[in-house]
Amino acid sequence: MRVVRYERRASPSPETMDQQEGIGLTVNVSSGGLCVLLEFAPEVGEILRLHMPMPVTEAHTPTLADVRWVQRLPFDGNQLAVVGLKFLL
């Protein structure tokens, strides 16, 4: 698990514009995408800019990812969601 930063600059609806940036935790990563735990549930089809930590010290790579699926966690009083993302770049 690693921390990943995200930006929601191209949000599809005005009500989701309140949370522009944040952090999540990677659950798993592959060459095609990743699964991440977030404090909100984005819309399927939303594009996020991710800042992925690299193994090289102090190196980060920004990339775009498409939200493919969202699974909210069934805990009262939170917005946690596990999100599947597909890399676009």
PDB file of N, CA and C in Angstrom:
ATOM      1  N   MET A   1       0.844  -1.181   0.000  1.00  0.00           N
ATOM      2  CA  MET A   1       0.000   0.000   0.000  1.00  0.00           C
ATOM      3  C   MET A   1       0.885   1.239   0.000  1.00  0.00           C
ATOM      4  N   ARG A   2       0.557   2.161  -0.893  1.00  0.00           N
ATOM      5  CA  ARG A   2       1.275   3.428  -0.977  1.00  0.00           C
ATOM      6  C   ARG A   2       0.270   4.563  -1.087  1.00  0.00           C
ATOM      7  N   VAL A   3       0.687   5.717  -0.638  1.00  0.00           N
ATOM      8  CA  VAL A   3      -0.147   6.907  -0.776  1.00  0.00           C
ATOM      9  C   VAL A   3      -0.055   7.407  -2.213  1.00  0.00           C
ATOM     10  N   VAL A   4      -1.198   7.763  -2.788  1.00  0.00           N
ATOM     11  CA  VAL A   4      -1.251   8.343  -4.121  1.00  0.00           C
ATOM     12  C   VAL A   4      -2.083   9.623  -4.026  1.00  0.00           C
ATOM     13  N   ARG A   5      -1.582  10.705  -4.602  1.00  0.00           N
ATOM     14  CA  ARG A   5      -2.332  11.962  -4.638  1.00  0.00           C
ATOM     15  C   ARG A   5      -3.159  12.013  -5.914  1.00  0.00           C
ATOM     16  N   TYR A   6      -4.322  12.672  -5.852  1.00  0.00           N
ATOM     17  CA  TYR A   6      -5.162  12.808  -7.036  1.00  0.00           C
ATOM     18  C   TYR A   6      -5.681  14.237  -7.154  1.00  0.00           C
ATOM     19  N   GLU A   7      -6.060  14.594  -8.382  1.00  0.00           N
ATOM     20  CA  GLU A   7      -6.717  15.866  -8.684  1.00  0.00           C
ATOM     21  C   GLU A   7      -7.954  15.555  -9.515  1.00  0.00           C
ATOM     22  N   ARG A   8      -9.032  16.294  -9.261  1.00  0.00           N
ATOM     23  CA  ARG A   8     -10.302  16.106  -9.977  1.00  0.00           C
ATOM     24  C   ARG A   8     -10.607  17.347 -10.804  1.00  0.00           C
ATOM     25  N   ARG A   9      -9.766  17.731 -11.682  1.00  0.00           N
ATOM     26  CA  ARG A   9      -9.948  18.970 -12.439  1.00  0.00           C
ATOM     27  C   ARG A   9     -11.076  18.899 -13.457  1.00  0.00           C
ATOM     28  N   ALA A  10     -11.299  17.755 -14.047  1.00  0.00           N
ATOM     29  CA  ALA A  10     -12.321  17.624 -15.090  1.00  0.00           C
ATOM     30  C   ALA A  10     -13.538  16.881 -14.556  1.00  0.00           C
ATOM     31  N   SER A  11     -14.059  17.356 -13.439  1.00  0.00           N
ATOM     32  CA  SER A  11     -15.194  16.702 -12.810  1.00  0.00           C
ATOM     33  C   SER A  11     -16.454  16.839 -13.664  1.00  0.00           C
ATOM     34  N   PRO A  12     -17.260  15.790 -13.793  1.00  0.00           N
ATOM     35  CA  PRO A  12     -18.411  15.821 -14.681  1.00  0.00           C
ATOM     36  C   PRO A  12     -19.614  16.611 -14.164  1.00  0.00           C
ATOM     37  N   SER A  13     -19.685  16.890 -12.869  1.00  0.00           N
ATOM     38  CA  SER A  13     -20.860  17.588 -12.359  1.00  0.00           C
ATOM     39  C   SER A  13     -20.477  18.588 -11.269  1.00  0.00           C
ATOM     40  N   PRO A  14     -21.212  19.701 -11.158  1.00  0.00           N
ATOM     41  CA  PRO A  14     -20.889  20.744 -10.181  1.00  0.00           C
ATOM     42  C   PRO A  14     -20.885  20.262  -8.738  1.00  0.00           C
ATOM     43  N   GLU A  15     -21.732  19.304  -8.383  1.00  0.00           N
ATOM     44  CA  GLU A  15     -21.781  18.862  -6.988  1.00  0.00           C
ATOM     45  C   GLU A  15     -20.539  18.067  -6.571  1.00  0.00           C
ATOM     46  N   THR A  16     -19.736  17.597  -7.516  1.00  0.00           N
ATOM     47  CA  THR A  16     -18.513  16.874  -7.161  1.00  0.00           C
ATOM     48  C   THR A  16     -17.285  17.769  -7.175  1.00  0.00           C
ATOM     49  N   MET A  17     -17.457  19.056  -7.441  1.00  0.00           N
ATOM     50  CA  MET A  17     -16.319  19.971  -7.544  1.00  0.00           C
ATOM     51  C   MET A  17     -15.772  20.389  -6.188  1.00  0.00           C
ATOM     52  N   ASP A  18     -16.461  20.045  -5.082  1.00  0.00           N
ATOM     53  CA  ASP A  18     -16.010  20.490  -3.768  1.00  0.00           C
ATOM     54  C   ASP A  18     -14.702  19.844  -3.336  1.00  0.00           C
ATOM     55  N   GLN A  19     -14.417  18.659  -3.765  1.00  0.00           N
ATOM     56  CA  GLN A  19     -13.196  17.966  -3.390  1.00  0.00           C
ATOM     57  C   GLN A  19     -12.284  17.883  -4.611  1.00  0.00           C
ATOM     58  N   GLN A  20     -11.414  18.880  -4.760  1.00  0.00           N
ATOM     59  CA  GLN A  20     -10.569  18.994  -5.938  1.00  0.00           C
ATOM     60  C   GLN A  20      -9.316  18.128  -5.862  1.00  0.00           C
ATOM     61  N   GLU A  21      -8.742  17.993  -4.676  1.00  0.00           N
ATOM     62  CA  GLU A  21      -7.501  17.239  -4.502  1.00  0.00           C
ATOM     63  C   GLU A  21      -7.602  16.397  -3.244  1.00  0.00           C
ATOM     64  N   GLY A  22      -6.809  15.359  -3.188  1.00  0.00           N
ATOM     65  CA  GLY A  22      -6.796  14.527  -2.002  1.00  0.00           C
ATOM     66  C   GLY A  22      -5.778  13.417  -2.131  1.00  0.00           C
ATOM     67  N   ILE A  23      -5.842  12.500  -1.179  1.00  0.00           N
ATOM     68  CA  ILE A  23      -4.944  11.352  -1.196  1.00  0.00           C
ATOM     69  C   ILE A  23      -5.757  10.077  -1.039  1.00  0.00           C
ATOM     70  N   GLY A  24      -5.197   9.003  -1.529  1.00  0.00           N
ATOM     71  CA  GLY A  24      -5.789   7.689  -1.380  1.00  0.00           C
ATOM     72  C   GLY A  24      -4.689   6.680  -1.111  1.00  0.00           C
ATOM     73  N   LEU A  25      -5.083   5.442  -0.904  1.00  0.00           N
ATOM     74  CA  LEU A  25      -4.126   4.359  -0.686  1.00  0.00           C
ATOM     75  C   LEU A  25      -4.285   3.330  -1.793  1.00  0.00           C
ATOM     76  N   THR A  26      -3.178   2.982  -2.424  1.00  0.00           N
ATOM     77  CA  THR A  26      -3.244   1.953  -3.455  1.00  0.00           C
ATOM     78  C   THR A  26      -3.485   0.602  -2.800  1.00  0.00           C
ATOM     79  N   VAL A  27      -4.345  -0.188  -3.406  1.00  0.00           N
ATOM     80  CA  VAL A  27      -4.593  -1.557  -2.957  1.00  0.00           C
ATOM     81  C   VAL A  27      -3.748  -2.499  -3.808  1.00  0.00           C
ATOM     82  N   ASN A  28      -3.768  -2.265  -5.130  1.00  0.00           N
ATOM     83  CA  ASN A  28      -2.886  -2.988  -6.039  1.00  0.00           C
ATOM     84  C   ASN A  28      -2.676  -2.159  -7.294  1.00  0.00           C
ATOM     85  N   VAL A  29      -1.581  -2.427  -7.984  1.00  0.00           N
ATOM     86  CA  VAL A  29      -1.217  -1.682  -9.191  1.00  0.00           C
ATOM     87  C   VAL A  29      -0.760  -2.681 -10.246  1.00  0.00           C
ATOM     88  N   SER A  30      -1.188  -2.450 -11.500  1.00  0.00           N
ATOM     89  CA  SER A  30      -0.721  -3.266 -12.616  1.00  0.00           C
ATOM     90  C   SER A  30      -0.292  -2.330 -13.736  1.00  0.00           C
ATOM     91  N   SER A  31       0.130  -2.881 -14.852  1.00  0.00           N
ATOM     92  CA  SER A  31       0.546  -2.042 -15.973  1.00  0.00           C
ATOM     93  C   SER A  31      -0.635  -1.318 -16.611  1.00  0.00           C
ATOM     94  N   GLY A  32      -1.860  -1.811 -16.408  1.00  0.00           N
ATOM     95  CA  GLY A  32      -3.029  -1.210 -17.028  1.00  0.00           C
ATOM     96  C   GLY A  32      -3.844  -0.296 -16.136  1.00  0.00           C
ATOM     97  N   GLY A  33      -3.624  -0.373 -14.829  1.00  0.00           N
ATOM     98  CA  GLY A  33      -4.412   0.451 -13.925  1.00  0.00           C
ATOM     99  C   GLY A  33      -4.110   0.130 -12.478  1.00  0.00           C
ATOM    100  N   LEU A  34      -5.023   0.551 -11.609  1.00  0.00           N
ATOM    101  CA  LEU A  34      -4.826   0.306 -10.188  1.00  0.00           C
ATOM    102  C   LEU A  34      -6.156   0.300  -9.463  1.00  0.00           C
ATOM    103  N   CYS A  35      -6.130  -0.234  -8.270  1.00  0.00           N
ATOM    104  CA  CYS A  35      -7.256  -0.222  -7.353  1.00  0.00           C
ATOM    105  C   CYS A  35      -6.819   0.645  -6.183  1.00  0.00           C
ATOM    106  N   VAL A  36      -7.674   1.596  -5.791  1.00  0.00           N
ATOM    107  CA  VAL A  36      -7.281   2.555  -4.763  1.00  0.00           C
ATOM    108  C   VAL A  36      -8.438   2.775  -3.791  1.00  0.00           C
ATOM    109  N   LEU A  37      -8.107   3.015  -2.533  1.00  0.00           N
ATOM    110  CA  LEU A  37      -9.085   3.334  -1.499  1.00  0.00           C
ATOM    111  C   LEU A  37      -9.146   4.849  -1.381  1.00  0.00           C
ATOM    112  N   LEU A  38     -10.341   5.431  -1.576  1.00  0.00           N
ATOM    113  CA  LEU A  38     -10.523   6.877  -1.533  1.00  0.00           C
ATOM    114  C   LEU A  38     -11.556   7.255  -0.482  1.00  0.00           C
ATOM    115  N   GLU A  39     -11.550   8.522  -0.080  1.00  0.00           N
ATOM    116  CA  GLU A  39     -12.508   9.033   0.906  1.00  0.00           C
ATOM    117  C   GLU A  39     -13.776   9.571   0.248  1.00  0.00           C
ATOM    118  N   PHE A  40     -13.986   9.255  -1.008  1.00  0.00           N
ATOM    119  CA  PHE A  40     -15.200   9.642  -1.714  1.00  0.00           C
ATOM    120  C   PHE A  40     -15.418   8.624  -2.832  1.00  0.00           C
ATOM    121  N   ALA A  41     -16.595   8.656  -3.407  1.00  0.00           N
ATOM    122  CA  ALA A  41     -16.921   7.749  -4.504  1.00  0.00           C
ATOM    123  C   ALA A  41     -17.074   8.567  -5.784  1.00  0.00           C
ATOM    124  N   PRO A  42     -16.070   8.561  -6.654  1.00  0.00           N
ATOM    125  CA  PRO A  42     -16.187   9.309  -7.913  1.00  0.00           C
ATOM    126  C   PRO A  42     -17.196   8.636  -8.837  1.00  0.00           C
ATOM    127  N   GLU A  43     -17.593   9.362  -9.850  1.00  0.00           N
ATOM    128  CA  GLU A  43     -18.504   8.816 -10.853  1.00  0.00           C
ATOM    129  C   GLU A  43     -17.726   7.925 -11.821  1.00  0.00           C
ATOM    130  N   VAL A  44     -18.351   6.838 -12.255  1.00  0.00           N
ATOM    131  CA  VAL A  44     -17.743   6.005 -13.294  1.00  0.00           C
ATOM    132  C   VAL A  44     -17.590   6.872 -14.538  1.00  0.00           C
ATOM    133  N   GLY A  45     -16.419   6.830 -15.160  1.00  0.00           N
ATOM    134  CA  GLY A  45     -16.133   7.645 -16.331  1.00  0.00           C
ATOM    135  C   GLY A  45     -15.404   8.939 -15.999  1.00  0.00           C
ATOM    136  N   GLU A  46     -15.346   9.298 -14.718  1.00  0.00           N
ATOM    137  CA  GLU A  46     -14.619  10.501 -14.308  1.00  0.00           C
ATOM    138  C   GLU A  46     -13.120  10.285 -14.540  1.00  0.00           C
ATOM    139  N   ILE A  47     -12.426  11.342 -14.903  1.00  0.00           N
ATOM    140  CA  ILE A  47     -10.989  11.279 -15.139  1.00  0.00           C
ATOM    141  C   ILE A  47     -10.273  11.925 -13.955  1.00  0.00           C
ATOM    142  N   LEU A  48      -9.326  11.211 -13.374  1.00  0.00           N
ATOM    143  CA  LEU A  48      -8.512  11.722 -12.270  1.00  0.00           C
ATOM    144  C   LEU A  48      -7.070  11.857 -12.727  1.00  0.00           C
ATOM    145  N   ARG A  49      -6.401  12.908 -12.283  1.00  0.00           N
ATOM    146  CA  ARG A  49      -4.956  13.026 -12.491  1.00  0.00           C
ATOM    147  C   ARG A  49      -4.300  12.464 -11.226  1.00  0.00           C
ATOM    148  N   LEU A  50      -3.491  11.438 -11.421  1.00  0.00           N
ATOM    149  CA  LEU A  50      -2.814  10.787 -10.294  1.00  0.00           C
ATOM    150  C   LEU A  50      -1.352  11.187 -10.252  1.00  0.00           C
ATOM    151  N   HIS A  51      -0.840  11.313  -9.064  1.00  0.00           N
ATOM    152  CA  HIS A  51       0.589  11.554  -8.852  1.00  0.00           C
ATOM    153  C   HIS A  51       1.126  10.308  -8.166  1.00  0.00           C
ATOM    154  N   MET A  52       1.717   9.440  -8.979  1.00  0.00           N
ATOM    155  CA  MET A  52       2.161   8.133  -8.510  1.00  0.00           C
ATOM    156  C   MET A  52       3.575   8.202  -7.957  1.00  0.00           C
ATOM    157  N   PRO A  53       3.798   7.694  -6.754  1.00  0.00           N
ATOM    158  CA  PRO A  53       5.169   7.626  -6.240  1.00  0.00           C
ATOM    159  C   PRO A  53       5.964   6.576  -7.013  1.00  0.00           C
ATOM    160  N   MET A  54       7.208   6.889  -7.283  1.00  0.00           N
ATOM    161  CA  MET A  54       8.095   5.974  -7.999  1.00  0.00           C
ATOM    162  C   MET A  54       9.143   5.437  -7.026  1.00  0.00           C
ATOM    163  N   PRO A  55       9.752   4.280  -7.343  1.00  0.00           N
ATOM    164  CA  PRO A  55      10.770   3.709  -6.454  1.00  0.00           C
ATOM    165  C   PRO A  55      11.997   4.605  -6.280  1.00  0.00           C
ATOM    166  N   VAL A  56      12.284   5.436  -7.280  1.00  0.00           N
ATOM    167  CA  VAL A  56      13.436   6.326  -7.184  1.00  0.00           C
ATOM    168  C   VAL A  56      13.107   7.419  -6.170  1.00  0.00           C
ATOM    169  N   THR A  57      14.016   7.714  -5.282  1.00  0.00           N
ATOM    170  CA  THR A  57      13.801   8.704  -4.231  1.00  0.00           C
ATOM    171  C   THR A  57      13.372  10.041  -4.813  1.00  0.00           C
ATOM    172  N   GLU A  58      12.282  10.590  -4.250  1.00  0.00           N
ATOM    173  CA  GLU A  58      11.758  11.907  -4.624  1.00  0.00           C
ATOM    174  C   GLU A  58      11.242  11.994  -6.061  1.00  0.00           C
ATOM    175  N   ALA A  59      10.970  10.902  -6.718  1.00  0.00           N
ATOM    176  CA  ALA A  59      10.439  10.935  -8.084  1.00  0.00           C
ATOM    177  C   ALA A  59       8.936  10.646  -8.046  1.00  0.00           C
ATOM    178  N   HIS A  60       8.176  11.422  -8.804  1.00  0.00           N
ATOM    179  CA  HIS A  60       6.729  11.232  -8.909  1.00  0.00           C
ATOM    180  C   HIS A  60       6.336  11.386 -10.376  1.00  0.00           C
ATOM    181  N   THR A  61       5.381  10.590 -10.817  1.00  0.00           N
ATOM    182  CA  THR A  61       4.942  10.650 -12.199  1.00  0.00           C
ATOM    183  C   THR A  61       3.446  10.936 -12.237  1.00  0.00           C
ATOM    184  N   PRO A  62       3.039  12.099 -12.798  1.00  0.00           N
ATOM    185  CA  PRO A  62       1.602  12.342 -12.949  1.00  0.00           C
ATOM    186  C   PRO A  62       1.060  11.573 -14.148  1.00  0.00           C
ATOM    187  N   THR A  63      -0.145  11.053 -14.029  1.00  0.00           N
ATOM    188  CA  THR A  63      -0.785  10.339 -15.125  1.00  0.00           C
ATOM    189  C   THR A  63      -2.292  10.500 -15.006  1.00  0.00           C
ATOM    190  N   LEU A  64      -3.008  10.272 -16.072  1.00  0.00           N
ATOM    191  CA  LEU A  64      -4.463  10.332 -16.051  1.00  0.00           C
ATOM    192  C   LEU A  64      -5.023   8.921 -15.932  1.00  0.00           C
ATOM    193  N   ALA A  65      -6.152   8.805 -15.231  1.00  0.00           N
ATOM    194  CA  ALA A  65      -6.793   7.508 -15.060  1.00  0.00           C
ATOM    195  C   ALA A  65      -8.306   7.677 -15.136  1.00  0.00           C
ATOM    196  N   ASP A  66      -8.949   6.712 -15.767  1.00  0.00           N
ATOM    197  CA  ASP A  66     -10.396   6.688 -15.950  1.00  0.00           C
ATOM    198  C   ASP A  66     -11.017   5.801 -14.874  1.00  0.00           C
ATOM    199  N   VAL A  67     -12.048   6.301 -14.188  1.00  0.00           N
ATOM    200  CA  VAL A  67     -12.752   5.506 -13.177  1.00  0.00           C
ATOM    201  C   VAL A  67     -13.590   4.460 -13.902  1.00  0.00           C
ATOM    202  N   ARG A  68     -13.291   3.185 -13.661  1.00  0.00           N
ATOM    203  CA  ARG A  68     -13.995   2.080 -14.325  1.00  0.00           C
ATOM    204  C   ARG A  68     -15.087   1.470 -13.448  1.00  0.00           C
ATOM    205  N   TRP A  69     -14.851   1.419 -12.138  1.00  0.00           N
ATOM    206  CA  TRP A  69     -15.855   0.895 -11.216  1.00  0.00           C
ATOM    207  C   TRP A  69     -15.639   1.482  -9.824  1.00  0.00           C
ATOM    208  N   VAL A  70     -16.709   1.495  -9.038  1.00  0.00           N
ATOM    209  CA  VAL A  70     -16.677   2.059  -7.683  1.00  0.00           C
ATOM    210  C   VAL A  70     -17.460   1.131  -6.769  1.00  0.00           C
ATOM    211  N   GLN A  71     -16.880   0.803  -5.623  1.00  0.00           N
ATOM    212  CA  GLN A  71     -17.564  -0.007  -4.611  1.00  0.00           C
ATOM    213  C   GLN A  71     -17.484   0.733  -3.270  1.00  0.00           C
ATOM    214  N   ARG A  72     -18.618   1.275  -2.829  1.00  0.00           N
ATOM    215  CA  ARG A  72     -18.641   1.965  -1.534  1.00  0.00           C
ATOM    216  C   ARG A  72     -18.483   0.943  -0.411  1.00  0.00           C
ATOM    217  N   LEU A  73     -17.789   1.334   0.654  1.00  0.00           N
ATOM    218  CA  LEU A  73     -17.632   0.454   1.803  1.00  0.00           C
ATOM    219  C   LEU A  73     -18.822   0.650   2.739  1.00  0.00           C
ATOM    220  N   PRO A  74     -19.377  -0.434   3.256  1.00  0.00           N
ATOM    221  CA  PRO A  74     -20.636  -0.363   4.015  1.00  0.00           C
ATOM    222  C   PRO A  74     -20.461   0.006   5.492  1.00  0.00           C
ATOM    223  N   PHE A  75     -19.814   1.129   5.759  1.00  0.00           N
ATOM    224  CA  PHE A  75     -19.654   1.608   7.120  1.00  0.00           C
ATOM    225  C   PHE A  75     -20.486   2.871   7.286  1.00  0.00           C
ATOM    226  N   ASP A  76     -21.220   2.983   8.378  1.00  0.00           N
ATOM    227  CA  ASP A  76     -22.050   4.161   8.616  1.00  0.00           C
ATOM    228  C   ASP A  76     -21.198   5.409   8.798  1.00  0.00           C
ATOM    229  N   GLY A  77     -21.671   6.509   8.230  1.00  0.00           N
ATOM    230  CA  GLY A  77     -21.050   7.805   8.472  1.00  0.00           C
ATOM    231  C   GLY A  77     -19.760   8.078   7.733  1.00  0.00           C
ATOM    232  N   ASN A  78     -19.445   7.344   6.675  1.00  0.00           N
ATOM    233  CA  ASN A  78     -18.232   7.658   5.911  1.00  0.00           C
ATOM    234  C   ASN A  78     -18.533   7.592   4.423  1.00  0.00           C
ATOM    235  N   GLN A  79     -17.576   8.041   3.661  1.00  0.00           N
ATOM    236  CA  GLN A  79     -17.700   8.052   2.206  1.00  0.00           C
ATOM    237  C   GLN A  79     -16.641   7.163   1.552  1.00  0.00           C
ATOM    238  N   LEU A  80     -16.017   6.250   2.307  1.00  0.00           N
ATOM    239  CA  LEU A  80     -14.941   5.424   1.769  1.00  0.00           C
ATOM    240  C   LEU A  80     -15.416   4.564   0.604  1.00  0.00           C
ATOM    241  N   ALA A  81     -14.546   4.463  -0.405  1.00  0.00           N
ATOM    242  CA  ALA A  81     -14.868   3.638  -1.561  1.00  0.00           C
ATOM    243  C   ALA A  81     -13.592   3.013  -2.122  1.00  0.00           C
ATOM    244  N   VAL A  82     -13.721   1.799  -2.611  1.00  0.00           N
ATOM    245  CA  VAL A  82     -12.651   1.151  -3.355  1.00  0.00           C
ATOM    246  C   VAL A  82     -12.957   1.424  -4.824  1.00  0.00           C
ATOM    247  N   VAL A  83     -11.942   1.933  -5.546  1.00  0.00           N
ATOM    248  CA  VAL A  83     -12.162   2.423  -6.902  1.00  0.00           C
ATOM    249  C   VAL A  83     -11.178   1.751  -7.862  1.00  0.00           C
ATOM    250  N   GLY A  84     -11.700   1.238  -8.978  1.00  0.00           N
ATOM    251  CA  GLY A  84     -10.863   0.676 -10.035  1.00  0.00           C
ATOM    252  C   GLY A  84     -10.597   1.725 -11.091  1.00  0.00           C
ATOM    253  N   LEU A  85      -9.325   1.954 -11.388  1.00  0.00           N
ATOM    254  CA  LEU A  85      -8.912   2.971 -12.355  1.00  0.00           C
ATOM    255  C   LEU A  85      -8.116   2.348 -13.481  1.00  0.00           C
ATOM    256  N   LYS A  86      -8.332   2.840 -14.704  1.00  0.00           N
ATOM    257  CA  LYS A  86      -7.569   2.405 -15.859  1.00  0.00           C
ATOM    258  C   LYS A  86      -6.673   3.561 -16.293  1.00  0.00           C
ATOM    259  N   PHE A  87      -5.369   3.284 -16.451  1.00  0.00           N
ATOM    260  CA  PHE A  87      -4.435   4.318 -16.892  1.00  0.00           C
ATOM    261  C   PHE A  87      -4.775   4.764 -18.309  1.00  0.00           C
ATOM    262  N   LEU A  88      -4.711   6.083 -18.554  1.00  0.00           N
ATOM    263  CA  LEU A  88      -4.937   6.629 -19.883  1.00  0.00           C
ATOM    264  C   LEU A  88      -3.639   7.057 -20.539  1.00  0.00           C
ATOM    265  N   LEU A  89      -2.636   7.371 -19.772  1.00  0.00           N
ATOM    266  CA  LEU A  89      -1.335   7.800 -20.301  1.00  0.00           C
ATOM    267  C   LEU A  89      -0.245   6.899 -19.769  1.00  0.00           C
TER     268      LEU A  89
END
